[in-house]
N, C-alpha and C. Protein backbone atom coordinates (compact mmCIF):
# COMPACT_ATOMS: atom_id res chain seq x y z
N MET A 1 -13.65 -33.30 63.85
CA MET A 1 -13.12 -34.64 64.00
C MET A 1 -14.11 -35.48 64.81
N LEU A 2 -14.30 -36.71 64.39
CA LEU A 2 -15.27 -37.59 65.02
C LEU A 2 -14.99 -37.80 66.51
N SER A 3 -13.74 -37.95 66.89
CA SER A 3 -13.42 -38.17 68.31
C SER A 3 -13.83 -36.96 69.15
N ASP A 4 -13.73 -35.76 68.61
CA ASP A 4 -14.18 -34.57 69.35
C ASP A 4 -15.69 -34.57 69.53
N ILE A 5 -16.42 -35.01 68.52
CA ILE A 5 -17.88 -35.11 68.63
C ILE A 5 -18.25 -36.14 69.68
N MET A 6 -17.59 -37.29 69.66
CA MET A 6 -17.87 -38.35 70.63
C MET A 6 -17.56 -37.87 72.06
N ARG A 7 -16.48 -37.15 72.20
CA ARG A 7 -16.11 -36.60 73.51
C ARG A 7 -17.17 -35.60 73.99
N SER A 8 -17.66 -34.77 73.09
CA SER A 8 -18.71 -33.80 73.43
C SER A 8 -20.00 -34.50 73.84
N VAL A 9 -20.35 -35.56 73.14
CA VAL A 9 -21.55 -36.32 73.49
C VAL A 9 -21.45 -36.83 74.92
N ALA A 10 -20.31 -37.39 75.28
CA ALA A 10 -20.12 -37.91 76.64
C ALA A 10 -20.16 -36.80 77.68
N ARG A 11 -19.49 -35.71 77.40
CA ARG A 11 -19.49 -34.59 78.36
C ARG A 11 -20.87 -33.97 78.50
N ASN A 12 -21.58 -33.79 77.38
CA ASN A 12 -22.93 -33.22 77.42
C ASN A 12 -23.89 -34.12 78.18
N ALA A 13 -23.59 -35.41 78.23
CA ALA A 13 -24.42 -36.36 78.98
C ALA A 13 -24.06 -36.35 80.47
N GLY A 14 -23.07 -35.55 80.85
CA GLY A 14 -22.71 -35.43 82.26
C GLY A 14 -21.64 -36.40 82.73
N LEU A 15 -20.95 -37.04 81.80
CA LEU A 15 -19.90 -37.98 82.17
C LEU A 15 -18.54 -37.29 82.15
N THR A 16 -17.58 -37.94 82.78
CA THR A 16 -16.23 -37.40 82.88
C THR A 16 -15.30 -38.17 81.96
N VAL A 17 -14.52 -37.46 81.17
CA VAL A 17 -13.49 -38.08 80.34
C VAL A 17 -12.28 -38.28 81.24
N VAL A 18 -11.84 -39.54 81.35
CA VAL A 18 -10.70 -39.86 82.20
C VAL A 18 -9.45 -39.19 81.64
N PRO A 19 -8.71 -38.48 82.50
CA PRO A 19 -7.53 -37.74 82.02
C PRO A 19 -6.30 -38.63 81.82
N TYR A 20 -6.13 -39.11 80.61
CA TYR A 20 -4.91 -39.81 80.22
C TYR A 20 -4.70 -39.59 78.74
N GLU A 21 -3.50 -39.75 78.29
CA GLU A 21 -3.17 -39.53 76.88
C GLU A 21 -3.18 -40.86 76.13
N SER A 22 -3.88 -40.88 75.00
CA SER A 22 -3.90 -42.06 74.14
C SER A 22 -4.13 -41.62 72.71
N ASP A 23 -3.45 -42.26 71.79
CA ASP A 23 -3.67 -42.00 70.38
C ASP A 23 -4.86 -42.79 69.84
N LEU A 24 -5.38 -43.74 70.65
CA LEU A 24 -6.46 -44.61 70.19
C LEU A 24 -7.84 -44.09 70.51
N GLY A 25 -7.98 -43.35 71.61
CA GLY A 25 -9.30 -42.87 72.02
C GLY A 25 -9.29 -42.42 73.46
N PHE A 26 -10.44 -42.60 74.13
CA PHE A 26 -10.56 -42.13 75.51
C PHE A 26 -11.55 -43.00 76.27
N THR A 27 -11.59 -42.82 77.58
CA THR A 27 -12.49 -43.55 78.47
C THR A 27 -13.36 -42.55 79.20
N VAL A 28 -14.65 -42.89 79.37
CA VAL A 28 -15.55 -42.04 80.14
C VAL A 28 -16.14 -42.82 81.30
N VAL A 29 -16.41 -42.10 82.38
CA VAL A 29 -17.01 -42.69 83.59
C VAL A 29 -18.00 -41.68 84.17
N ARG A 30 -18.85 -42.17 85.05
CA ARG A 30 -19.66 -41.29 85.88
C ARG A 30 -18.98 -41.33 87.24
N GLU A 31 -18.51 -40.19 87.70
CA GLU A 31 -17.68 -40.14 88.90
C GLU A 31 -18.35 -40.69 90.15
N ASP A 32 -19.66 -40.54 90.27
CA ASP A 32 -20.35 -41.00 91.47
C ASP A 32 -20.99 -42.38 91.30
N ASP A 33 -20.62 -43.11 90.23
CA ASP A 33 -21.20 -44.41 89.95
C ASP A 33 -20.12 -45.30 89.35
N ASP A 34 -19.74 -46.33 90.06
CA ASP A 34 -18.63 -47.16 89.59
C ASP A 34 -19.08 -48.48 88.96
N ARG A 35 -20.31 -48.53 88.42
CA ARG A 35 -20.80 -49.77 87.82
C ARG A 35 -20.28 -50.03 86.42
N TYR A 36 -20.08 -48.97 85.63
CA TYR A 36 -19.69 -49.12 84.23
C TYR A 36 -18.62 -48.11 83.84
N PHE A 37 -17.89 -48.43 82.75
CA PHE A 37 -17.02 -47.46 82.09
C PHE A 37 -17.17 -47.69 80.60
N CYS A 38 -16.77 -46.70 79.82
CA CYS A 38 -16.95 -46.78 78.37
C CYS A 38 -15.65 -46.38 77.68
N PHE A 39 -15.17 -47.26 76.79
CA PHE A 39 -14.05 -46.93 75.92
C PHE A 39 -14.61 -46.37 74.62
N VAL A 40 -14.03 -45.30 74.14
CA VAL A 40 -14.44 -44.71 72.86
C VAL A 40 -13.18 -44.58 71.99
N LEU A 41 -13.20 -45.23 70.84
CA LEU A 41 -12.07 -45.14 69.93
C LEU A 41 -12.23 -43.93 69.02
N ASN A 42 -11.13 -43.41 68.55
CA ASN A 42 -11.16 -42.25 67.65
C ASN A 42 -11.91 -42.54 66.35
N SER A 43 -12.06 -43.81 66.02
CA SER A 43 -12.80 -44.20 64.81
C SER A 43 -14.31 -44.08 64.99
N GLY A 44 -14.77 -43.83 66.23
CA GLY A 44 -16.19 -43.71 66.50
C GLY A 44 -16.80 -44.95 67.11
N GLU A 45 -16.04 -46.02 67.18
CA GLU A 45 -16.54 -47.23 67.83
C GLU A 45 -16.44 -47.06 69.34
N TRP A 46 -17.37 -47.70 70.06
CA TRP A 46 -17.37 -47.59 71.52
C TRP A 46 -17.80 -48.91 72.14
N GLN A 47 -17.43 -49.10 73.42
CA GLN A 47 -17.79 -50.29 74.18
C GLN A 47 -18.06 -49.89 75.62
N VAL A 48 -19.18 -50.36 76.17
CA VAL A 48 -19.48 -50.17 77.59
C VAL A 48 -19.13 -51.48 78.30
N HIS A 49 -18.41 -51.36 79.43
CA HIS A 49 -17.99 -52.53 80.21
C HIS A 49 -18.47 -52.41 81.65
N ARG A 50 -18.78 -53.55 82.27
CA ARG A 50 -19.04 -53.57 83.71
C ARG A 50 -17.71 -53.32 84.40
N ALA A 51 -17.70 -52.47 85.38
CA ALA A 51 -16.45 -52.10 86.06
C ALA A 51 -15.92 -53.23 86.93
N ASP A 52 -16.79 -54.03 87.52
CA ASP A 52 -16.31 -55.06 88.44
C ASP A 52 -15.70 -56.27 87.74
N THR A 53 -16.11 -56.54 86.49
CA THR A 53 -15.60 -57.71 85.78
C THR A 53 -14.94 -57.38 84.45
N ALA A 54 -15.07 -56.15 83.99
CA ALA A 54 -14.58 -55.69 82.69
C ALA A 54 -15.27 -56.42 81.54
N THR A 55 -16.43 -57.01 81.80
CA THR A 55 -17.22 -57.68 80.78
C THR A 55 -17.92 -56.64 79.91
N MET A 56 -17.79 -56.80 78.61
CA MET A 56 -18.45 -55.88 77.69
C MET A 56 -19.95 -56.16 77.72
N VAL A 57 -20.76 -55.10 77.88
CA VAL A 57 -22.21 -55.25 77.91
C VAL A 57 -22.89 -54.59 76.72
N ALA A 58 -22.19 -53.72 76.01
CA ALA A 58 -22.76 -53.07 74.84
C ALA A 58 -21.63 -52.52 73.98
N SER A 59 -21.91 -52.41 72.68
CA SER A 59 -20.93 -51.81 71.78
C SER A 59 -21.67 -51.24 70.58
N GLY A 60 -21.00 -50.38 69.87
CA GLY A 60 -21.60 -49.78 68.69
C GLY A 60 -20.66 -48.80 68.04
N SER A 61 -21.24 -47.95 67.21
CA SER A 61 -20.44 -46.99 66.47
C SER A 61 -21.26 -45.73 66.22
N GLY A 62 -20.65 -44.60 66.44
CA GLY A 62 -21.29 -43.32 66.14
C GLY A 62 -21.88 -42.63 67.35
N PRO A 63 -22.04 -41.32 67.24
CA PRO A 63 -22.51 -40.51 68.36
C PRO A 63 -23.92 -40.84 68.84
N ALA A 64 -24.85 -41.08 67.93
CA ALA A 64 -26.24 -41.34 68.34
C ALA A 64 -26.35 -42.64 69.14
N SER A 65 -25.69 -43.69 68.68
CA SER A 65 -25.76 -44.96 69.41
C SER A 65 -25.01 -44.87 70.73
N LEU A 66 -23.93 -44.09 70.77
CA LEU A 66 -23.21 -43.88 72.03
C LEU A 66 -24.14 -43.20 73.03
N LEU A 67 -24.82 -42.18 72.61
CA LEU A 67 -25.70 -41.45 73.51
C LEU A 67 -26.82 -42.34 74.04
N ALA A 68 -27.36 -43.19 73.19
CA ALA A 68 -28.40 -44.13 73.63
C ALA A 68 -27.86 -45.08 74.69
N ALA A 69 -26.65 -45.59 74.49
CA ALA A 69 -26.05 -46.51 75.46
C ALA A 69 -25.72 -45.79 76.77
N LEU A 70 -25.25 -44.55 76.67
CA LEU A 70 -24.96 -43.79 77.89
C LEU A 70 -26.24 -43.59 78.68
N GLY A 71 -27.34 -43.36 78.00
CA GLY A 71 -28.63 -43.21 78.67
C GLY A 71 -29.05 -44.48 79.37
N GLU A 72 -28.78 -45.62 78.76
CA GLU A 72 -29.18 -46.90 79.35
C GLU A 72 -28.29 -47.32 80.51
N TYR A 73 -26.98 -47.26 80.33
CA TYR A 73 -26.07 -47.80 81.34
C TYR A 73 -25.63 -46.79 82.39
N PHE A 74 -25.57 -45.52 82.01
CA PHE A 74 -25.12 -44.50 82.94
C PHE A 74 -26.26 -43.64 83.47
N GLU A 75 -27.48 -43.94 83.02
CA GLU A 75 -28.67 -43.24 83.49
C GLU A 75 -28.51 -41.72 83.41
N VAL A 76 -28.09 -41.25 82.26
CA VAL A 76 -27.93 -39.81 82.09
C VAL A 76 -29.30 -39.15 82.04
N ALA A 77 -29.34 -37.92 82.48
CA ALA A 77 -30.60 -37.20 82.58
C ALA A 77 -31.20 -36.91 81.21
N ASP A 78 -30.38 -36.55 80.24
CA ASP A 78 -30.88 -36.21 78.91
C ASP A 78 -30.13 -37.04 77.88
N ALA A 79 -30.73 -38.12 77.45
CA ALA A 79 -30.09 -39.00 76.47
C ALA A 79 -30.75 -38.88 75.12
N SER A 80 -31.19 -37.68 74.78
CA SER A 80 -31.85 -37.49 73.49
C SER A 80 -30.82 -37.32 72.37
N PRO A 81 -31.14 -37.82 71.18
CA PRO A 81 -30.20 -37.74 70.06
C PRO A 81 -29.86 -36.32 69.62
N ARG A 82 -30.59 -35.29 70.07
CA ARG A 82 -30.28 -33.92 69.65
C ARG A 82 -28.88 -33.51 70.06
N ASN A 83 -28.30 -34.16 71.09
CA ASN A 83 -26.94 -33.85 71.52
C ASN A 83 -25.90 -34.52 70.64
N ALA A 84 -26.31 -35.48 69.85
CA ALA A 84 -25.36 -36.21 69.01
C ALA A 84 -25.30 -35.56 67.63
N ALA A 85 -24.21 -34.92 67.35
CA ALA A 85 -24.04 -34.25 66.05
C ALA A 85 -23.64 -35.23 64.98
């Protein structure tokens, strides 16, 4: 399922999936950095928002583009597409 792949991409990048139940998708954060958060829909679409204003700063669709955005906004150590299935 695409949402499981997207969740794996975020976890492999070192981010935390916020523990709440939703039929629409999930949210990821970096626990030690409160600058951004990312909504990921089960359809594969995602949006990165500034945490202080909730302003959207990036959006896209699919695991590879999510991983690239996580690398840019969350400064993940390994943002290579090999993690995006």
